[in-house]
Amino acid sequence: MKRARLEVSPQFWVTRLKSDEMHVKIENSLPDDVKYIDTRYDFDCDVLYIVCESEEFEDVSEDGELPVIKPVRFTTMET
């Protein structure tokens, strides 16, 4: 299983959803073949985990801990 997780702050999404417009630039983008698998919430850490799959990720066992994807950085774009 070639899966990894992306850690995202719930506050990030709240801020984005409150804005009238959302113009962002994504740096350190995900691989072209990435597939969304699941979203999980860690109450202890207050973090959303977006589970993704790609041939570029390392192979992990079914019960193994998923590696964290290098952070994807969102920056505001001028319109």
C-alpha atoms as a PDB file:
ATOM      1  CA  MET A   1       0.000   0.000   0.000  1.00  0.00           C
ATOM      2  CA  LYS A   2       1.635   3.262  -1.102  1.00  0.00           C
ATOM      3  CA  ARG A   3      -0.144   5.771   1.069  1.00  0.00           C
ATOM      4  CA  ALA A   4       0.734   8.873   3.036  1.00  0.00           C
ATOM      5  CA  ARG A   5      -1.107  11.549   4.955  1.00  0.00           C
ATOM      6  CA  LEU A   6      -1.309  15.287   4.576  1.00  0.00           C
ATOM      7  CA  GLU A   7      -1.788  17.171   7.854  1.00  0.00           C
ATOM      8  CA  VAL A   8      -4.076  20.200   7.627  1.00  0.00           C
ATOM      9  CA  SER A   9      -5.214  22.560  10.356  1.00  0.00           C
ATOM     10  CA  PRO A  10      -9.011  22.804  10.615  1.00  0.00           C
ATOM     11  CA  GLN A  11      -8.576  26.551  11.225  1.00  0.00           C
ATOM     12  CA  PHE A  12      -7.067  26.857   7.744  1.00  0.00           C
ATOM     13  CA  TRP A  13     -10.307  25.583   6.183  1.00  0.00           C
ATOM     14  CA  VAL A  14     -12.495  27.764   8.376  1.00  0.00           C
ATOM     15  CA  THR A  15     -10.498  30.826   7.303  1.00  0.00           C
ATOM     16  CA  ARG A  16     -10.672  29.842   3.635  1.00  0.00           C
ATOM     17  CA  LEU A  17     -14.394  29.127   3.754  1.00  0.00           C
ATOM     18  CA  LYS A  18     -15.151  32.491   5.385  1.00  0.00           C
ATOM     19  CA  SER A  19     -13.528  34.479   2.591  1.00  0.00           C
ATOM     20  CA  ASP A  20     -15.563  35.742  -0.355  1.00  0.00           C
ATOM     21  CA  GLU A  21     -12.963  34.582  -2.826  1.00  0.00           C
ATOM     22  CA  MET A  22     -10.328  31.911  -2.588  1.00  0.00           C
ATOM     23  CA  HIS A  23      -7.344  32.567  -4.827  1.00  0.00           C
ATOM     24  CA  VAL A  24      -4.439  30.422  -3.741  1.00  0.00           C
ATOM     25  CA  LYS A  25      -1.196  29.182  -5.173  1.00  0.00           C
ATOM     26  CA  ILE A  26      -0.142  25.661  -4.251  1.00  0.00           C
ATOM     27  CA  GLU A  27       3.565  25.053  -3.787  1.00  0.00           C
ATOM     28  CA  ASN A  28       5.130  21.604  -3.307  1.00  0.00           C
ATOM     29  CA  SER A  29       2.200  20.075  -5.145  1.00  0.00           C
ATOM     30  CA  LEU A  30       1.199  16.444  -4.829  1.00  0.00           C
ATOM     31  CA  PRO A  31       2.209  13.804  -7.421  1.00  0.00           C
ATOM     32  CA  ASP A  32       0.166  13.694 -10.629  1.00  0.00           C
ATOM     33  CA  ASP A  33      -1.183  10.199  -9.858  1.00  0.00           C
ATOM     34  CA  VAL A  34      -2.338  11.019  -6.306  1.00  0.00           C
ATOM     35  CA  LYS A  35      -5.742   9.639  -5.270  1.00  0.00           C
ATOM     36  CA  TYR A  36      -7.836  10.781  -2.327  1.00  0.00           C
ATOM     37  CA  ILE A  37      -8.593   7.876   0.031  1.00  0.00           C
ATOM     38  CA  ASP A  38      -9.983   9.223   3.305  1.00  0.00           C
ATOM     39  CA  THR A  39     -10.101  12.127   5.748  1.00  0.00           C
ATOM     40  CA  ARG A  40      -9.588  11.589   9.470  1.00  0.00           C
ATOM     41  CA  TYR A  41      -9.593  13.957  12.415  1.00  0.00           C
ATOM     42  CA  ASP A  42      -7.214  13.648  15.361  1.00  0.00           C
ATOM     43  CA  PHE A  43      -8.975  15.194  18.363  1.00  0.00           C
ATOM     44  CA  ASP A  44      -5.837  15.127  20.505  1.00  0.00           C
ATOM     45  CA  CYS A  45      -3.732  17.103  18.000  1.00  0.00           C
ATOM     46  CA  ASP A  46      -6.590  19.103  16.385  1.00  0.00           C
ATOM     47  CA  VAL A  47      -5.413  18.085  12.913  1.00  0.00           C
ATOM     48  CA  LEU A  48      -7.182  16.783   9.825  1.00  0.00           C
ATOM     49  CA  TYR A  49      -5.358  13.953   8.083  1.00  0.00           C
ATOM     50  CA  ILE A  50      -6.062  13.643   4.390  1.00  0.00           C
ATOM     51  CA  VAL A  51      -5.018  10.135   3.352  1.00  0.00           C
ATOM     52  CA  CYS A  52      -3.696   9.877  -0.210  1.00  0.00           C
ATOM     53  CA  GLU A  53      -2.282   7.150  -2.410  1.00  0.00           C
ATOM     54  CA  SER A  54       0.434   7.442  -5.079  1.00  0.00           C
ATOM     55  CA  GLU A  55       3.098   5.264  -6.667  1.00  0.00           C
ATOM     56  CA  GLU A  56       5.605   7.899  -5.505  1.00  0.00           C
ATOM     57  CA  PHE A  57       4.861   7.273  -1.814  1.00  0.00           C
ATOM     58  CA  GLU A  58       6.705   4.650   0.196  1.00  0.00           C
ATOM     59  CA  ASP A  59       5.103   1.258   0.669  1.00  0.00           C
ATOM     60  CA  VAL A  60       3.569   0.779   4.142  1.00  0.00           C
ATOM     61  CA  SER A  61       1.874  -2.210   5.747  1.00  0.00           C
ATOM     62  CA  GLU A  62      -1.882  -2.252   6.414  1.00  0.00           C
ATOM     63  CA  ASP A  63      -1.382  -1.545  10.122  1.00  0.00           C
ATOM     64  CA  GLY A  64       1.699   0.670   9.743  1.00  0.00           C
ATOM     65  CA  GLU A  65       1.733   4.382  10.501  1.00  0.00           C
ATOM     66  CA  LEU A  66       1.345   6.466   7.363  1.00  0.00           C
ATOM     67  CA  PRO A  67       4.221   8.832   6.604  1.00  0.00           C
ATOM     68  CA  VAL A  68       3.463  12.541   6.517  1.00  0.00           C
ATOM     69  CA  ILE A  69       3.515  14.168   3.082  1.00  0.00           C
ATOM     70  CA  LYS A  70       5.878  17.103   2.732  1.00  0.00           C
ATOM     71  CA  PRO A  71       3.714  20.114   3.570  1.00  0.00           C
ATOM     72  CA  VAL A  72       1.747  21.594   0.730  1.00  0.00           C
ATOM     73  CA  ARG A  73       1.950  25.349   1.086  1.00  0.00           C
ATOM     74  CA  PHE A  74      -0.975  27.572   0.114  1.00  0.00           C
ATOM     75  CA  THR A  75      -0.279  31.239  -0.490  1.00  0.00           C
ATOM     76  CA  THR A  76      -2.693  34.004  -1.410  1.00  0.00           C
ATOM     77  CA  MET A  77      -2.540  35.175  -5.013  1.00  0.00           C
ATOM     78  CA  GLU A  78      -3.136  38.676  -6.260  1.00  0.00           C
ATOM     79  CA  THR A  79      -6.236  38.928  -8.449  1.00  0.00           C
END
